[in-house]
Amino acid sequence: MLFQQNISLKNLHTFGVEAKAKLFCEISSEDELLELIQSPEFKENKWLILGEGSDVLFSQDFNGLIMKDNIKGIDQVYETDDFAFVKASSGENWHAFVEYCVNQNWGGIESLALIPGNVGASPLQNIGAYGAEVKDTIHSVEVFNFQTHEIEIILNKECGFSYRWSIFKEEQNKNKYFITSVTFRLAKTPVVNINYKDVKEETGKANPSIADVFHAVMAIRTRKLPSPKELGNAGSFFKNPHTSKTHYYELQKVYPDLKGFEEKDSIKLAAAQLIDLCGWKGKVEKGVGVYQQQALVICNYGNAKGSDVIGFAKKIQKSVKEKFGIDLIPEVNIY
């Protein structure tokens, strides 16, 4: 296995801030994982699995081993009258996989078009958009267990999915698993989700197909969100926060237009609106700023350092806390 030293990470994560990795390697198969764990480079260093780098921010050089996931392959495992079970390797590009499934008319993930990253990151974050979450289509997750050195299958019900969360993000599991593939259960006769007004209006159809939804979501995201190829960012920087119903109704007395989405025991607020109401949309400091079209996106407008991005984000958190009594939690993983 080839290990490279002092590799720049600037072009390996979408924020595009300069940082270096002490050691770097690519993983293209399960056999290479078995080879990796026998190496002193793995045994003697802390390590991090890197997909397409769309959910990370490096605040400093990484003094350890970066493992780049490059495991490829898509396979229809089996099917029933109603569902196709499709296994996608972790290193596959997420959007390309969504497009592949839409072209087969397999429904369930079409609303998740253009979410940056690879397939392996989808269960980790339980990615979601426009009323859909990936947990609703995942059948199982295949992992390499670094402790047992074996491949394991973790079923959906064992993944502990919740809003932008899974067991793979729990502290005790962060150095335990390498997700190698994900198997999805997709509908062969799709039920189209157009609950979001923007998506429904964008399709312009009373009964759109999943392809119509796919293209509508692409159009909306392209208008609202900056491409990481043109402007460094990691998509939504913060999670949408939850608060008690009592707190929400008190806030509504002061801010009648404050958006709130009722859930089982709480109200989910729109982080973008809170940030906007604090006056951050479009503001730029030291090459770091909030995107003009979407307040939830923090961008690298120049040669910002990771520490600059973190400092800027903390200012936003402080102002939202002071104005609304709400804690904003980063969705981006900071190293």
C-alpha atoms as a PDB file:
ATOM      1  CA  MET A   1       0.000   0.000   0.000  1.00  0.00           C
ATOM      2  CA  LEU A   2       1.246   3.446  -0.949  1.00  0.00           C
ATOM      3  CA  PHE A   3       1.431   6.050   1.816  1.00  0.00           C
ATOM      4  CA  GLN A   4       2.122   9.669   0.867  1.00  0.00           C
ATOM      5  CA  GLN A   5       3.508  12.265   3.265  1.00  0.00           C
ATOM      6  CA  ASN A   6       2.627  15.915   3.908  1.00  0.00           C
ATOM      7  CA  ILE A   7      -0.177  15.946   1.351  1.00  0.00           C
ATOM      8  CA  SER A   8      -2.191  19.137   0.849  1.00  0.00           C
ATOM      9  CA  LEU A   9      -5.884  18.677   1.652  1.00  0.00           C
ATOM     10  CA  LYS A  10      -6.978  21.927   0.016  1.00  0.00           C
ATOM     11  CA  ASN A  11      -8.408  20.198  -3.067  1.00  0.00           C
ATOM     12  CA  LEU A  12      -9.698  17.185  -1.151  1.00  0.00           C
ATOM     13  CA  HIS A  13     -12.446  18.954   0.797  1.00  0.00           C
ATOM     14  CA  THR A  14     -15.060  21.391  -0.461  1.00  0.00           C
ATOM     15  CA  PHE A  15     -14.226  24.270   1.911  1.00  0.00           C
ATOM     16  CA  GLY A  16     -10.879  24.538   0.157  1.00  0.00           C
ATOM     17  CA  VAL A  17      -8.899  25.826   3.139  1.00  0.00           C
ATOM     18  CA  GLU A  18      -5.222  24.978   3.266  1.00  0.00           C
ATOM     19  CA  ALA A  19      -4.241  22.093   5.532  1.00  0.00           C
ATOM     20  CA  LYS A  20      -1.836  19.194   5.241  1.00  0.00           C
ATOM     21  CA  ALA A  21      -2.053  15.552   6.216  1.00  0.00           C
ATOM     22  CA  LYS A  22       0.977  13.900   7.788  1.00  0.00           C
ATOM     23  CA  LEU A  23       0.077  10.676   5.930  1.00  0.00           C
ATOM     24  CA  PHE A  24      -2.364   9.885   3.137  1.00  0.00           C
ATOM     25  CA  CYS A  25      -3.557   6.736   1.362  1.00  0.00           C
ATOM     26  CA  GLU A  26      -6.426   5.598  -0.851  1.00  0.00           C
ATOM     27  CA  ILE A  27      -8.650   2.601  -0.113  1.00  0.00           C
ATOM     28  CA  SER A  28     -10.159   0.892  -3.148  1.00  0.00           C
ATOM     29  CA  SER A  29     -11.219  -2.494  -1.743  1.00  0.00           C
ATOM     30  CA  GLU A  30     -11.888  -4.498   1.398  1.00  0.00           C
ATOM     31  CA  ASP A  31      -8.608  -6.337   0.807  1.00  0.00           C
ATOM     32  CA  GLU A  32      -6.764  -3.039   1.058  1.00  0.00           C
ATOM     33  CA  LEU A  33      -8.449  -2.405   4.409  1.00  0.00           C
ATOM     34  CA  LEU A  34      -7.039  -5.716   5.664  1.00  0.00           C
ATOM     35  CA  GLU A  35      -3.615  -4.689   4.384  1.00  0.00           C
ATOM     36  CA  LEU A  36      -3.963  -1.233   5.929  1.00  0.00           C
ATOM     37  CA  ILE A  37      -4.652  -2.399   9.485  1.00  0.00           C
ATOM     38  CA  GLN A  38      -1.399  -4.399   9.540  1.00  0.00           C
ATOM     39  CA  SER A  39       0.700  -1.354   8.680  1.00  0.00           C
ATOM     40  CA  PRO A  40       2.634   0.735  11.229  1.00  0.00           C
ATOM     41  CA  GLU A  41       1.248   3.869   9.532  1.00  0.00           C
ATOM     42  CA  PHE A  42      -2.229   2.823  10.674  1.00  0.00           C
ATOM     43  CA  LYS A  43      -1.261   1.376  14.055  1.00  0.00           C
ATOM     44  CA  GLU A  44       0.883   4.316  15.172  1.00  0.00           C
ATOM     45  CA  ASN A  45      -1.278   7.256  14.074  1.00  0.00           C
ATOM     46  CA  LYS A  46      -4.702   8.713  14.600  1.00  0.00           C
ATOM     47  CA  TRP A  47      -6.716   8.482  11.398  1.00  0.00           C
ATOM     48  CA  LEU A  48      -9.670   9.899   9.508  1.00  0.00           C
ATOM     49  CA  ILE A  49     -11.780   8.497   6.675  1.00  0.00           C
ATOM     50  CA  LEU A  50     -12.327  11.067   3.939  1.00  0.00           C
ATOM     51  CA  GLY A  51     -14.933  10.744   1.219  1.00  0.00           C
ATOM     52  CA  GLU A  52     -15.444  13.742  -1.040  1.00  0.00           C
ATOM     53  CA  GLY A  53     -14.777  16.113   1.856  1.00  0.00           C
ATOM     54  CA  SER A  54     -18.152  17.825   1.613  1.00  0.00           C
ATOM     55  CA  ASP A  55     -18.952  17.686   5.326  1.00  0.00           C
ATOM     56  CA  VAL A  56     -15.575  18.538   6.885  1.00  0.00           C
ATOM     57  CA  LEU A  57     -13.585  21.600   7.814  1.00  0.00           C
ATOM     58  CA  PHE A  58      -9.903  21.403   8.685  1.00  0.00           C
ATOM     59  CA  SER A  59      -8.991  23.994  11.301  1.00  0.00           C
ATOM     60  CA  GLN A  60      -5.340  22.952  11.218  1.00  0.00           C
ATOM     61  CA  ASP A  61      -2.975  20.383   9.715  1.00  0.00           C
ATOM     62  CA  PHE A  62      -4.039  16.793  10.364  1.00  0.00           C
ATOM     63  CA  ASN A  63      -1.268  15.099  12.340  1.00  0.00           C
ATOM     64  CA  GLY A  64      -2.186  11.563  11.348  1.00  0.00           C
ATOM     65  CA  LEU A  65      -3.387   9.359   8.499  1.00  0.00           C
ATOM     66  CA  ILE A  66      -6.096  10.406   6.029  1.00  0.00           C
ATOM     67  CA  MET A  67      -7.761   7.416   4.339  1.00  0.00           C
ATOM     68  CA  LYS A  68      -9.468   8.433   1.077  1.00  0.00           C
ATOM     69  CA  ASP A  69     -12.467   6.212   0.277  1.00  0.00           C
ATOM     70  CA  ASN A  70     -12.293   5.118  -3.338  1.00  0.00           C
ATOM     71  CA  ILE A  71     -14.357   1.881  -3.199  1.00  0.00           C
ATOM     72  CA  LYS A  72     -16.569   1.717  -6.311  1.00  0.00           C
ATOM     73  CA  GLY A  73     -19.458  -0.344  -7.652  1.00  0.00           C
ATOM     74  CA  ILE A  74     -23.281  -0.441  -7.928  1.00  0.00           C
ATOM     75  CA  ASP A  75     -25.264  -3.680  -8.021  1.00  0.00           C
ATOM     76  CA  GLN A  76     -28.959  -4.585  -7.915  1.00  0.00           C
ATOM     77  CA  VAL A  77     -28.870  -7.260  -5.218  1.00  0.00           C
ATOM     78  CA  TYR A  78     -32.422  -8.540  -5.636  1.00  0.00           C
ATOM     79  CA  GLU A  79     -35.973  -7.376  -6.205  1.00  0.00           C
ATOM     80  CA  THR A  80     -39.544  -8.054  -5.188  1.00  0.00           C
ATOM     81  CA  ASP A  81     -42.782  -7.085  -6.912  1.00  0.00           C
ATOM     82  CA  ASP A  82     -42.615  -3.695  -5.203  1.00  0.00           C
ATOM     83  CA  PHE A  83     -38.963  -2.928  -4.471  1.00  0.00           C
ATOM     84  CA  ALA A  84     -35.475  -3.012  -5.963  1.00  0.00           C
ATOM     85  CA  PHE A  85     -32.651  -3.591  -3.484  1.00  0.00           C
ATOM     86  CA  VAL A  86     -29.572  -1.761  -4.747  1.00  0.00           C
ATOM     87  CA  LYS A  87     -26.100  -1.998  -3.212  1.00  0.00           C
ATOM     88  CA  ALA A  88     -23.809   0.985  -3.774  1.00  0.00           C
ATOM     89  CA  SER A  89     -20.177   1.081  -2.702  1.00  0.00           C
ATOM     90  CA  SER A  90     -19.154   3.808  -0.300  1.00  0.00           C
ATOM     91  CA  GLY A  91     -16.863   5.668  -2.696  1.00  0.00           C
ATOM     92  CA  GLU A  92     -19.552   6.227  -5.324  1.00  0.00           C
ATOM     93  CA  ASN A  93     -20.585   9.858  -5.858  1.00  0.00           C
ATOM     94  CA  TRP A  94     -23.959  10.412  -4.184  1.00  0.00           C
ATOM     95  CA  HIS A  95     -25.582  12.578  -6.861  1.00  0.00           C
ATOM     96  CA  ALA A  96     -24.456  10.236  -9.644  1.00  0.00           C
ATOM     97  CA  PHE A  97     -26.017   7.342  -7.719  1.00  0.00           C
ATOM     98  CA  VAL A  98     -29.300   9.256  -7.307  1.00  0.00           C
ATOM     99  CA  GLU A  99     -29.355   9.962 -11.040  1.00  0.00           C
ATOM    100  CA  TYR A 100     -28.656   6.298 -11.811  1.00  0.00           C
ATOM    101  CA  CYS A 101     -31.631   5.211  -9.668  1.00  0.00           C
ATOM    102  CA  VAL A 102     -33.949   7.833 -11.174  1.00  0.00           C
ATOM    103  CA  ASN A 103     -33.025   6.598 -14.652  1.00  0.00           C
ATOM    104  CA  GLN A 104     -34.120   3.105 -13.568  1.00  0.00           C
ATOM    105  CA  ASN A 105     -37.370   4.621 -12.186  1.00  0.00           C
ATOM    106  CA  TRP A 106     -36.480   3.427  -8.683  1.00  0.00           C
ATOM    107  CA  GLY A 107     -38.039   5.922  -6.313  1.00  0.00           C
ATOM    108  CA  GLY A 108     -37.220   7.226  -2.861  1.00  0.00           C
ATOM    109  CA  ILE A 109     -34.058   9.325  -3.123  1.00  0.00           C
ATOM    110  CA  GLU A 110     -34.898  11.674  -6.003  1.00  0.00           C
ATOM    111  CA  SER A 111     -35.414  14.601  -3.582  1.00  0.00           C
ATOM    112  CA  LEU A 112     -31.809  14.168  -2.418  1.00  0.00           C
ATOM    113  CA  ALA A 113     -30.321  15.214  -5.755  1.00  0.00           C
ATOM    114  CA  LEU A 114     -27.175  17.380  -5.801  1.00  0.00           C
ATOM    115  CA  ILE A 115     -26.323  16.769  -2.145  1.00  0.00           C
ATOM    116  CA  PRO A 116     -22.518  16.750  -2.263  1.00  0.00           C
ATOM    117  CA  GLY A 117     -20.530  13.795  -0.988  1.00  0.00           C
ATOM    118  CA  ASN A 118     -20.334  10.072  -1.534  1.00  0.00           C
ATOM    119  CA  VAL A 119     -22.639   7.165  -0.752  1.00  0.00           C
ATOM    120  CA  GLY A 120     -20.710   6.178   2.380  1.00  0.00           C
ATOM    121  CA  ALA A 121     -21.477   9.516   4.028  1.00  0.00           C
ATOM    122  CA  SER A 122     -25.231   9.237   3.468  1.00  0.00           C
ATOM    123  CA  PRO A 123     -26.062   6.995   6.469  1.00  0.00           C
ATOM    124  CA  LEU A 124     -23.445   8.698   8.636  1.00  0.00           C
ATOM    125  CA  GLN A 125     -25.240  12.045   8.417  1.00  0.00           C
ATOM    126  CA  ASN A 126     -28.696  10.653   7.618  1.00  0.00           C
ATOM    127  CA  ILE A 127     -28.750  13.210   4.823  1.00  0.00           C
ATOM    128  CA  GLY A 128     -32.053  14.850   4.004  1.00  0.00           C
ATOM    129  CA  ALA A 129     -33.747  17.526   1.923  1.00  0.00           C
ATOM    130  CA  TYR A 130     -37.205  18.556   0.723  1.00  0.00           C
ATOM    131  CA  GLY A 131     -39.102  16.258   3.047  1.00  0.00           C
ATOM    132  CA  ALA A 132     -36.968  13.151   2.491  1.00  0.00           C
ATOM    133  CA  GLU A 133     -34.316  11.511   4.638  1.00  0.00           C
ATOM    134  CA  VAL A 134     -32.028   8.741   3.483  1.00  0.00           C
ATOM    135  CA  LYS A 135     -33.029   6.583   6.488  1.00  0.00           C
ATOM    136  CA  ASP A 136     -36.376   6.010   4.771  1.00  0.00           C
ATOM    137  CA  THR A 137     -34.724   4.063   1.942  1.00  0.00           C
ATOM    138  CA  ILE A 138     -31.680   2.452   3.566  1.00  0.00           C
ATOM    139  CA  HIS A 139     -32.095  -1.292   4.056  1.00  0.00           C
ATOM    140  CA  SER A 140     -28.674  -1.991   5.562  1.00  0.00           C
ATOM    141  CA  VAL A 141     -25.141  -0.668   5.903  1.00  0.00           C
ATOM    142  CA  GLU A 142     -22.067  -2.837   5.326  1.00  0.00           C
ATOM    143  CA  VAL A 143     -19.047  -1.909   7.440  1.00  0.00           C
ATOM    144  CA  PHE A 144     -15.516  -3.046   8.110  1.00  0.00           C
ATOM    145  CA  ASN A 145     -15.067  -3.291  11.875  1.00  0.00           C
ATOM    146  CA  PHE A 146     -11.594  -2.084  12.842  1.00  0.00           C
ATOM    147  CA  GLN A 147     -11.843  -3.865  16.191  1.00  0.00           C
ATOM    148  CA  THR A 148     -12.820  -7.327  14.940  1.00  0.00           C
ATOM    149  CA  HIS A 149     -11.269  -6.993  11.454  1.00  0.00           C
ATOM    150  CA  GLU A 150     -14.472  -8.375   9.959  1.00  0.00           C
ATOM    151  CA  ILE A 151     -17.211  -7.205   7.607  1.00  0.00           C
ATOM    152  CA  GLU A 152     -20.554  -6.671   9.365  1.00  0.00           C
ATOM    153  CA  ILE A 153     -24.062  -5.891   8.146  1.00  0.00           C
ATOM    154  CA  ILE A 154     -25.959  -3.306  10.203  1.00  0.00           C
ATOM    155  CA  LEU A 155     -29.707  -3.223   9.497  1.00  0.00           C
ATOM    156  CA  ASN A 156     -31.646   0.031   9.292  1.00  0.00           C
ATOM    157  CA  LYS A 157     -33.296  -0.428  12.684  1.00  0.00           C
ATOM    158  CA  GLU A 158     -29.857  -0.839  14.276  1.00  0.00           C
ATOM    159  CA  CYS A 159     -28.461   2.397  12.816  1.00  0.00           C
ATOM    160  CA  GLY A 160     -30.093   4.704  15.366  1.00  0.00           C
ATOM    161  CA  PHE A 161     -31.197   7.170  12.717  1.00  0.00           C
ATOM    162  CA  SER A 162     -32.535  10.579  13.720  1.00  0.00           C
ATOM    163  CA  TYR A 163     -32.171  14.114  12.409  1.00  0.00           C
ATOM    164  CA  ARG A 164     -28.655  14.311  10.866  1.00  0.00           C
ATOM    165  CA  TRP A 165     -27.585  11.507  13.174  1.00  0.00           C
ATOM    166  CA  SER A 166     -26.755   7.807  13.284  1.00  0.00           C
ATOM    167  CA  ILE A 167     -24.808   5.445  15.500  1.00  0.00           C
ATOM    168  CA  PHE A 168     -21.816   6.045  13.233  1.00  0.00           C
ATOM    169  CA  LYS A 169     -21.490   9.550  14.706  1.00  0.00           C
ATOM    170  CA  GLU A 170     -21.502   8.345  18.321  1.00  0.00           C
ATOM    171  CA  GLU A 171     -18.194   8.948  20.071  1.00  0.00           C
ATOM    172  CA  GLN A 172     -17.547   5.254  20.801  1.00  0.00           C
ATOM    173  CA  ASN A 173     -18.058   4.383  17.122  1.00  0.00           C
ATOM    174  CA  LYS A 174     -16.017   7.108  15.439  1.00  0.00           C
ATOM    175  CA  ASN A 175     -12.934   4.900  15.154  1.00  0.00           C
ATOM    176  CA  LYS A 176     -14.757   1.611  14.892  1.00  0.00           C
ATOM    177  CA  TYR A 177     -16.271   1.399  11.412  1.00  0.00           C
ATOM    178  CA  PHE A 178     -15.348   1.983   7.799  1.00  0.00           C
ATOM    179  CA  ILE A 179     -18.620   2.044   5.824  1.00  0.00           C
ATOM    180  CA  THR A 180     -17.923  -0.002   2.667  1.00  0.00           C
ATOM    181  CA  SER A 181     -21.363  -0.051   1.037  1.00  0.00           C
ATOM    182  CA  VAL A 182     -25.027   0.802   1.572  1.00  0.00           C
ATOM    183  CA  THR A 183     -28.007  -1.219   0.355  1.00  0.00           C
ATOM    184  CA  PHE A 184     -31.139   0.768  -0.486  1.00  0.00           C
ATOM    185  CA  ARG A 185     -34.739  -0.395  -0.786  1.00  0.00           C
ATOM    186  CA  LEU A 186     -36.237   1.633  -3.630  1.00  0.00           C
ATOM    187  CA  ALA A 187     -39.807   1.613  -4.899  1.00  0.00           C
ATOM    188  CA  LYS A 188     -40.401   0.167  -8.374  1.00  0.00           C
ATOM    189  CA  THR A 189     -43.734   2.018  -8.469  1.00  0.00           C
ATOM    190  CA  PRO A 190     -42.650   5.307  -6.890  1.00  0.00           C
ATOM    191  CA  VAL A 191     -44.859   7.515  -4.766  1.00  0.00           C
ATOM    192  CA  VAL A 192     -43.818  11.043  -5.693  1.00  0.00           C
ATOM    193  CA  ASN A 193     -43.200  13.469  -2.826  1.00  0.00           C
ATOM    194  CA  ILE A 194     -44.166  17.047  -3.705  1.00  0.00           C
ATOM    195  CA  ASN A 195     -45.048  18.212  -0.201  1.00  0.00           C
ATOM    196  CA  TYR A 196     -42.573  21.068  -0.491  1.00  0.00           C
ATOM    197  CA  LYS A 197     -44.166  24.047  -2.248  1.00  0.00           C
ATOM    198  CA  ASP A 198     -40.930  25.026  -4.023  1.00  0.00           C
ATOM    199  CA  VAL A 199     -40.542  21.568  -5.547  1.00  0.00           C
ATOM    200  CA  LYS A 200     -44.187  21.358  -6.610  1.00  0.00           C
ATOM    201  CA  GLU A 201     -44.052  24.772  -8.272  1.00  0.00           C
ATOM    202  CA  GLU A 202     -40.734  24.013  -9.960  1.00  0.00           C
ATOM    203  CA  THR A 203     -42.084  20.860 -11.614  1.00  0.00           C
ATOM    204  CA  GLY A 204     -45.077  22.769 -12.971  1.00  0.00           C
ATOM    205  CA  LYS A 205     -47.048  19.528 -13.133  1.00  0.00           C
ATOM    206  CA  ALA A 206     -50.025  18.175 -11.221  1.00  0.00           C
ATOM    207  CA  ASN A 207     -48.631  14.633 -11.302  1.00  0.00           C
ATOM    208  CA  PRO A 208     -44.858  14.846 -11.707  1.00  0.00           C
ATOM    209  CA  SER A 209     -42.612  11.812 -12.111  1.00  0.00           C
ATOM    210  CA  ILE A 210     -39.566  11.149  -9.943  1.00  0.00           C
ATOM    211  CA  ALA A 211     -37.476  12.442 -12.845  1.00  0.00           C
ATOM    212  CA  ASP A 212     -39.447  15.706 -12.705  1.00  0.00           C
ATOM    213  CA  VAL A 213     -38.758  15.976  -8.964  1.00  0.00           C
ATOM    214  CA  PHE A 214     -35.080  15.145  -9.504  1.00  0.00           C
ATOM    215  CA  HIS A 215     -34.656  17.922 -12.059  1.00  0.00           C
ATOM    216  CA  ALA A 216     -36.736  20.375 -10.000  1.00  0.00           C
ATOM    217  CA  VAL A 217     -34.551  19.837  -6.930  1.00  0.00           C
ATOM    218  CA  MET A 218     -31.435  20.280  -9.053  1.00  0.00           C
ATOM    219  CA  ALA A 219     -32.757  23.581 -10.408  1.00  0.00           C
ATOM    220  CA  ILE A 220     -33.680  24.881  -6.947  1.00  0.00           C
ATOM    221  CA  ARG A 221     -30.370  23.891  -5.361  1.00  0.00           C
ATOM    222  CA  THR A 222     -28.393  25.378  -8.240  1.00  0.00           C
ATOM    223  CA  ARG A 223     -30.169  28.717  -7.778  1.00  0.00           C
ATOM    224  CA  LYS A 224     -29.920  28.810  -4.003  1.00  0.00           C
ATOM    225  CA  LEU A 225     -26.588  27.159  -3.212  1.00  0.00           C
ATOM    226  CA  PRO A 226     -23.062  27.909  -4.408  1.00  0.00           C
ATOM    227  CA  SER A 227     -21.106  25.213  -6.211  1.00  0.00           C
ATOM    228  CA  PRO A 228     -18.076  24.145  -4.140  1.00  0.00           C
ATOM    229  CA  LYS A 229     -16.130  24.166  -7.423  1.00  0.00           C
ATOM    230  CA  GLU A 230     -16.652  27.914  -7.619  1.00  0.00           C
ATOM    231  CA  LEU A 231     -16.905  28.949  -3.952  1.00  0.00           C
ATOM    232  CA  GLY A 232     -15.566  26.938  -1.037  1.00  0.00           C
ATOM    233  CA  ASN A 233     -18.335  25.706   1.271  1.00  0.00           C
ATOM    234  CA  ALA A 234     -19.748  22.567   2.878  1.00  0.00           C
ATOM    235  CA  GLY A 235     -23.426  23.202   2.243  1.00  0.00           C
ATOM    236  CA  SER A 236     -25.483  23.749   5.385  1.00  0.00           C
ATOM    237  CA  PHE A 237     -23.026  24.705   8.102  1.00  0.00           C
ATOM    238  CA  PHE A 238     -25.523  24.387  10.981  1.00  0.00           C
ATOM    239  CA  LYS A 239     -28.285  21.936  11.814  1.00  0.00           C
ATOM    240  CA  ASN A 240     -31.834  23.232  12.050  1.00  0.00           C
ATOM    241  CA  PRO A 241     -32.334  23.598  15.823  1.00  0.00           C
ATOM    242  CA  HIS A 242     -35.193  22.284  17.924  1.00  0.00           C
ATOM    243  CA  THR A 243     -36.855  24.102  20.798  1.00  0.00           C
ATOM    244  CA  SER A 244     -39.824  23.572  23.089  1.00  0.00           C
ATOM    245  CA  LYS A 245     -43.275  24.550  21.934  1.00  0.00           C
ATOM    246  CA  THR A 246     -43.520  27.011  24.825  1.00  0.00           C
ATOM    247  CA  HIS A 247     -40.292  28.750  23.817  1.00  0.00           C
ATOM    248  CA  TYR A 248     -41.373  28.876  20.176  1.00  0.00           C
ATOM    249  CA  TYR A 249     -44.728  30.489  20.996  1.00  0.00           C
ATOM    250  CA  GLU A 250     -42.943  33.096  23.142  1.00  0.00           C
ATOM    251  CA  LEU A 251     -40.597  33.885  20.257  1.00  0.00           C
ATOM    252  CA  GLN A 252     -43.548  34.181  17.874  1.00  0.00           C
ATOM    253  CA  LYS A 253     -44.965  37.015  19.966  1.00  0.00           C
ATOM    254  CA  VAL A 254     -41.869  39.035  19.079  1.00  0.00           C
ATOM    255  CA  TYR A 255     -41.248  37.543  15.625  1.00  0.00           C
ATOM    256  CA  PRO A 256     -44.690  36.647  14.155  1.00  0.00           C
ATOM    257  CA  ASP A 257     -43.169  35.345  10.911  1.00  0.00           C
ATOM    258  CA  LEU A 258     -40.785  32.949  12.647  1.00  0.00           C
ATOM    259  CA  LYS A 259     -41.005  29.578  10.903  1.00  0.00           C
ATOM    260  CA  GLY A 260     -41.620  26.492  13.010  1.00  0.00           C
ATOM    261  CA  PHE A 261     -42.228  22.881  12.036  1.00  0.00           C
ATOM    262  CA  GLU A 262     -44.032  20.851  14.665  1.00  0.00           C
ATOM    263  CA  GLU A 263     -42.510  17.505  15.523  1.00  0.00           C
ATOM    264  CA  LYS A 264     -43.329  14.932  18.176  1.00  0.00           C
ATOM    265  CA  ASP A 265     -42.157  16.771  21.286  1.00  0.00           C
ATOM    266  CA  SER A 266     -40.667  19.979  19.897  1.00  0.00           C
ATOM    267  CA  ILE A 267     -40.609  22.617  17.197  1.00  0.00           C
ATOM    268  CA  LYS A 268     -37.918  22.582  14.525  1.00  0.00           C
ATOM    269  CA  LEU A 269     -36.772  26.059  13.558  1.00  0.00           C
ATOM    270  CA  ALA A 270     -35.150  27.208  10.325  1.00  0.00           C
ATOM    271  CA  ALA A 271     -31.533  28.006  11.162  1.00  0.00           C
ATOM    272  CA  ALA A 272     -31.256  30.078   7.977  1.00  0.00           C
ATOM    273  CA  GLN A 273     -34.055  32.391   9.133  1.00  0.00           C
ATOM    274  CA  LEU A 274     -32.508  32.860  12.576  1.00  0.00           C
ATOM    275  CA  ILE A 275     -29.159  33.742  10.999  1.00  0.00           C
ATOM    276  CA  ASP A 276     -30.838  36.097   8.539  1.00  0.00           C
ATOM    277  CA  LEU A 277     -32.772  37.860  11.306  1.00  0.00           C
ATOM    278  CA  CYS A 278     -29.472  38.455  13.083  1.00  0.00           C
ATOM    279  CA  GLY A 279     -28.242  40.324  10.003  1.00  0.00           C
ATOM    280  CA  TRP A 280     -25.600  37.861   8.822  1.00  0.00           C
ATOM    281  CA  LYS A 281     -26.800  37.115   5.278  1.00  0.00           C
ATOM    282  CA  GLY A 282     -24.255  38.468   2.813  1.00  0.00           C
ATOM    283  CA  LYS A 283     -21.817  39.605   5.503  1.00  0.00           C
ATOM    284  CA  VAL A 284     -18.118  38.872   4.831  1.00  0.00           C
ATOM    285  CA  GLU A 285     -15.141  39.123   7.223  1.00  0.00           C
ATOM    286  CA  LYS A 286     -11.528  38.091   6.493  1.00  0.00           C
ATOM    287  CA  GLY A 287     -12.532  36.186   3.367  1.00  0.00           C
ATOM    288  CA  VAL A 288     -15.293  34.268   5.168  1.00  0.00           C
ATOM    289  CA  GLY A 289     -18.958  35.068   4.753  1.00  0.00           C
ATOM    290  CA  VAL A 290     -22.598  34.005   4.673  1.00  0.00           C
ATOM    291  CA  TYR A 291     -23.866  33.296   1.168  1.00  0.00           C
ATOM    292  CA  GLN A 292     -26.213  36.008  -0.103  1.00  0.00           C
ATOM    293  CA  GLN A 293     -28.846  33.555  -1.393  1.00  0.00           C
ATOM    294  CA  GLN A 294     -28.826  31.142   1.566  1.00  0.00           C
ATOM    295  CA  ALA A 295     -27.975  32.168   5.126  1.00  0.00           C
ATOM    296  CA  LEU A 296     -27.244  28.597   6.197  1.00  0.00           C
ATOM    297  CA  VAL A 297     -24.154  28.422   3.984  1.00  0.00           C
ATOM    298  CA  ILE A 298     -20.799  29.799   5.138  1.00  0.00           C
ATOM    299  CA  CYS A 299     -18.339  30.341   2.298  1.00  0.00           C
ATOM    300  CA  ASN A 300     -14.621  30.698   1.787  1.00  0.00           C
ATOM    301  CA  TYR A 301     -14.489  33.800  -0.423  1.00  0.00           C
ATOM    302  CA  GLY A 302     -10.730  33.810  -0.725  1.00  0.00           C
ATOM    303  CA  ASN A 303      -7.816  32.228   1.036  1.00  0.00           C
ATOM    304  CA  ALA A 304      -9.479  31.899   4.413  1.00  0.00           C
ATOM    305  CA  LYS A 305      -7.952  29.710   7.084  1.00  0.00           C
ATOM    306  CA  GLY A 306      -9.961  27.045   8.839  1.00  0.00           C
ATOM    307  CA  SER A 307      -9.580  29.003  12.064  1.00  0.00           C
ATOM    308  CA  ASP A 308     -11.117  32.062  10.328  1.00  0.00           C
ATOM    309  CA  VAL A 309     -14.179  30.013   9.354  1.00  0.00           C
ATOM    310  CA  ILE A 310     -14.566  28.688  12.894  1.00  0.00           C
ATOM    311  CA  GLY A 311     -14.215  32.160  14.416  1.00  0.00           C
ATOM    312  CA  PHE A 312     -16.849  33.510  12.033  1.00  0.00           C
ATOM    313  CA  ALA A 313     -19.230  30.640  12.803  1.00  0.00           C
ATOM    314  CA  LYS A 314     -18.846  31.238  16.548  1.00  0.00           C
ATOM    315  CA  LYS A 315     -19.898  34.874  16.083  1.00  0.00           C
ATOM    316  CA  ILE A 316     -23.062  33.686  14.356  1.00  0.00           C
ATOM    317  CA  GLN A 317     -23.754  31.200  17.147  1.00  0.00           C
ATOM    318  CA  LYS A 318     -23.296  33.894  19.777  1.00  0.00           C
ATOM    319  CA  SER A 319     -25.664  36.344  18.105  1.00  0.00           C
ATOM    320  CA  VAL A 320     -28.394  33.723  17.572  1.00  0.00           C
ATOM    321  CA  LYS A 321     -28.075  32.634  21.199  1.00  0.00           C
ATOM    322  CA  GLU A 322     -28.330  36.205  22.454  1.00  0.00           C
ATOM    323  CA  LYS A 323     -31.301  37.116  20.244  1.00  0.00           C
ATOM    324  CA  PHE A 324     -33.362  33.922  20.376  1.00  0.00           C
ATOM    325  CA  GLY A 325     -31.943  31.813  23.207  1.00  0.00           C
ATOM    326  CA  ILE A 326     -31.247  29.087  20.633  1.00  0.00           C
ATOM    327  CA  ASP A 327     -28.043  27.053  20.317  1.00  0.00           C
ATOM    328  CA  LEU A 328     -26.872  26.439  16.755  1.00  0.00           C
ATOM    329  CA  ILE A 329     -24.944  23.177  16.367  1.00  0.00           C
ATOM    330  CA  PRO A 330     -22.584  22.726  13.413  1.00  0.00           C
ATOM    331  CA  GLU A 331     -23.577  20.092  10.883  1.00  0.00           C
ATOM    332  CA  VAL A 332     -20.040  20.229   9.482  1.00  0.00           C
ATOM    333  CA  ASN A 333     -17.434  17.978  11.121  1.00  0.00           C
ATOM    334  CA  ILE A 334     -14.526  20.112  12.336  1.00  0.00           C
ATOM    335  CA  TYR A 335     -10.986  18.740  12.693  1.00  0.00           C
END
